[in-house]
């Protein structure tokens, strides 16, 4: 049995962020575990902001797949094609 792919989505409550979350959720499969972090609101332990800093995230929306910032986030918008190219939507 394979492990789930860990997908972290970093947002700040903007319309583009909402669209990115929708795209990730539509592209993900049952082998994907999606976690959304709203950096504007933060989280109880501030783990989300610490993670974002550790991943080198300087703009949102941003998607991290299994600990690596998705290429589509480094060079433009979050797209279904970019997510699929990173392995989202297929068994891990």
C-alpha atoms as a PDB file:
ATOM      1  CA  UNK A   1       0.000   0.000   0.000  1.00  0.00           C
ATOM      2  CA  UNK A   2       1.374   3.425  -0.931  1.00  0.00           C
ATOM      3  CA  UNK A   3       1.587   6.502   1.255  1.00  0.00           C
ATOM      4  CA  UNK A   4      -0.581   9.537   0.659  1.00  0.00           C
ATOM      5  CA  UNK A   5       0.909  12.481  -1.182  1.00  0.00           C
ATOM      6  CA  UNK A   6       1.069  15.464   1.191  1.00  0.00           C
ATOM      7  CA  UNK A   7      -0.182  18.669  -0.463  1.00  0.00           C
ATOM      8  CA  UNK A   8       0.007  21.941   1.457  1.00  0.00           C
ATOM      9  CA  UNK A   9      -1.709  25.019   0.062  1.00  0.00           C
ATOM     10  CA  UNK A  10      -0.670  28.403   1.439  1.00  0.00           C
ATOM     11  CA  UNK A  11      -3.188  31.213   0.969  1.00  0.00           C
ATOM     12  CA  UNK A  12      -4.070  34.678   2.288  1.00  0.00           C
ATOM     13  CA  UNK A  13      -7.816  34.851   1.719  1.00  0.00           C
ATOM     14  CA  UNK A  14      -7.786  36.405  -1.754  1.00  0.00           C
ATOM     15  CA  UNK A  15      -9.923  35.402  -4.774  1.00  0.00           C
ATOM     16  CA  UNK A  16      -6.850  33.954  -6.551  1.00  0.00           C
ATOM     17  CA  UNK A  17      -6.111  31.902  -3.440  1.00  0.00           C
ATOM     18  CA  UNK A  18      -9.671  30.573  -3.366  1.00  0.00           C
ATOM     19  CA  UNK A  19      -9.332  29.543  -7.019  1.00  0.00           C
ATOM     20  CA  UNK A  20      -6.013  27.801  -6.271  1.00  0.00           C
ATOM     21  CA  UNK A  21      -7.579  25.807  -3.420  1.00  0.00           C
ATOM     22  CA  UNK A  22     -10.450  24.811  -5.716  1.00  0.00           C
ATOM     23  CA  UNK A  23      -7.996  23.728  -8.443  1.00  0.00           C
ATOM     24  CA  UNK A  24      -5.936  21.659  -5.989  1.00  0.00           C
ATOM     25  CA  UNK A  25      -9.010  19.952  -4.526  1.00  0.00           C
ATOM     26  CA  UNK A  26     -10.393  19.173  -8.007  1.00  0.00           C
ATOM     27  CA  UNK A  27      -7.046  17.783  -9.196  1.00  0.00           C
ATOM     28  CA  UNK A  28      -6.213  15.764  -6.066  1.00  0.00           C
ATOM     29  CA  UNK A  29      -7.134  12.103  -5.850  1.00  0.00           C
ATOM     30  CA  UNK A  30      -7.752   9.783  -2.922  1.00  0.00           C
ATOM     31  CA  UNK A  31      -3.976   9.274  -2.655  1.00  0.00           C
ATOM     32  CA  UNK A  32      -3.567  12.986  -1.870  1.00  0.00           C
ATOM     33  CA  UNK A  33      -3.956  14.620   1.521  1.00  0.00           C
ATOM     34  CA  UNK A  34      -4.646  18.342   1.144  1.00  0.00           C
ATOM     35  CA  UNK A  35      -3.994  20.835   3.958  1.00  0.00           C
ATOM     36  CA  UNK A  36      -4.798  24.533   3.530  1.00  0.00           C
ATOM     37  CA  UNK A  37      -2.958  27.156   5.574  1.00  0.00           C
ATOM     38  CA  UNK A  38      -4.344  30.705   5.657  1.00  0.00           C
ATOM     39  CA  UNK A  39      -1.295  32.842   6.423  1.00  0.00           C
ATOM     40  CA  UNK A  40      -3.449  35.910   6.976  1.00  0.00           C
ATOM     41  CA  UNK A  41      -5.205  34.217   9.901  1.00  0.00           C
ATOM     42  CA  UNK A  42      -2.218  32.203  11.037  1.00  0.00           C
ATOM     43  CA  UNK A  43      -2.649  29.082  13.113  1.00  0.00           C
ATOM     44  CA  UNK A  44      -2.610  28.270  16.812  1.00  0.00           C
ATOM     45  CA  UNK A  45       1.073  27.342  16.919  1.00  0.00           C
ATOM     46  CA  UNK A  46       2.186  29.626  14.045  1.00  0.00           C
ATOM     47  CA  UNK A  47       3.368  26.414  12.352  1.00  0.00           C
ATOM     48  CA  UNK A  48       1.899  27.573   9.026  1.00  0.00           C
ATOM     49  CA  UNK A  49       4.038  30.722   8.876  1.00  0.00           C
ATOM     50  CA  UNK A  50       7.125  28.785   9.984  1.00  0.00           C
ATOM     51  CA  UNK A  51       6.500  26.211   7.239  1.00  0.00           C
ATOM     52  CA  UNK A  52       5.978  28.916   4.612  1.00  0.00           C
ATOM     53  CA  UNK A  53       9.268  30.547   5.573  1.00  0.00           C
ATOM     54  CA  UNK A  54      11.051  27.180   5.531  1.00  0.00           C
ATOM     55  CA  UNK A  55       9.742  26.421   2.030  1.00  0.00           C
ATOM     56  CA  UNK A  56      10.870  29.851   0.811  1.00  0.00           C
ATOM     57  CA  UNK A  57       7.342  31.032   0.028  1.00  0.00           C
ATOM     58  CA  UNK A  58       7.248  34.760  -0.683  1.00  0.00           C
ATOM     59  CA  UNK A  59       3.921  34.978  -2.524  1.00  0.00           C
ATOM     60  CA  UNK A  60       0.587  33.253  -2.344  1.00  0.00           C
ATOM     61  CA  UNK A  61      -1.146  31.161  -3.419  1.00  0.00           C
ATOM     62  CA  UNK A  62       1.581  28.571  -3.166  1.00  0.00           C
ATOM     63  CA  UNK A  63       1.418  24.778  -3.269  1.00  0.00           C
ATOM     64  CA  UNK A  64       3.956  22.462  -1.665  1.00  0.00           C
ATOM     65  CA  UNK A  65       3.886  18.800  -2.650  1.00  0.00           C
ATOM     66  CA  UNK A  66       5.702  16.347  -0.399  1.00  0.00           C
ATOM     67  CA  UNK A  67       7.906  19.126   0.972  1.00  0.00           C
ATOM     68  CA  UNK A  68       8.791  20.772  -2.361  1.00  0.00           C
ATOM     69  CA  UNK A  69       7.366  24.022  -3.706  1.00  0.00           C
ATOM     70  CA  UNK A  70       5.485  23.181  -6.902  1.00  0.00           C
ATOM     71  CA  UNK A  71       7.185  24.525 -10.043  1.00  0.00           C
ATOM     72  CA  UNK A  72       3.943  26.143 -11.213  1.00  0.00           C
ATOM     73  CA  UNK A  73       4.015  28.344  -8.096  1.00  0.00           C
ATOM     74  CA  UNK A  74       7.551  29.496  -8.723  1.00  0.00           C
ATOM     75  CA  UNK A  75       6.833  30.579 -12.300  1.00  0.00           C
ATOM     76  CA  UNK A  76       3.184  31.637 -12.391  1.00  0.00           C
ATOM     77  CA  UNK A  77      -0.297  30.612 -11.358  1.00  0.00           C
ATOM     78  CA  UNK A  78      -1.457  27.374  -9.792  1.00  0.00           C
ATOM     79  CA  UNK A  79      -2.813  25.291 -12.680  1.00  0.00           C
ATOM     80  CA  UNK A  80      -4.251  21.807 -12.971  1.00  0.00           C
ATOM     81  CA  UNK A  81      -1.621  20.988 -15.623  1.00  0.00           C
ATOM     82  CA  UNK A  82       1.186  22.168 -13.339  1.00  0.00           C
ATOM     83  CA  UNK A  83      -0.211  20.142 -10.448  1.00  0.00           C
ATOM     84  CA  UNK A  84      -0.560  17.020 -12.608  1.00  0.00           C
ATOM     85  CA  UNK A  85       3.016  17.487 -13.831  1.00  0.00           C
ATOM     86  CA  UNK A  86       4.057  17.376 -10.161  1.00  0.00           C
ATOM     87  CA  UNK A  87       2.163  14.108  -9.656  1.00  0.00           C
ATOM     88  CA  UNK A  88      -1.083  15.389  -8.123  1.00  0.00           C
ATOM     89  CA  UNK A  89      -4.071  13.304  -9.083  1.00  0.00           C
ATOM     90  CA  UNK A  90      -2.221  10.028  -9.504  1.00  0.00           C
ATOM     91  CA  UNK A  91      -1.426   7.401  -6.901  1.00  0.00           C
ATOM     92  CA  UNK A  92       1.704   8.178  -4.918  1.00  0.00           C
END
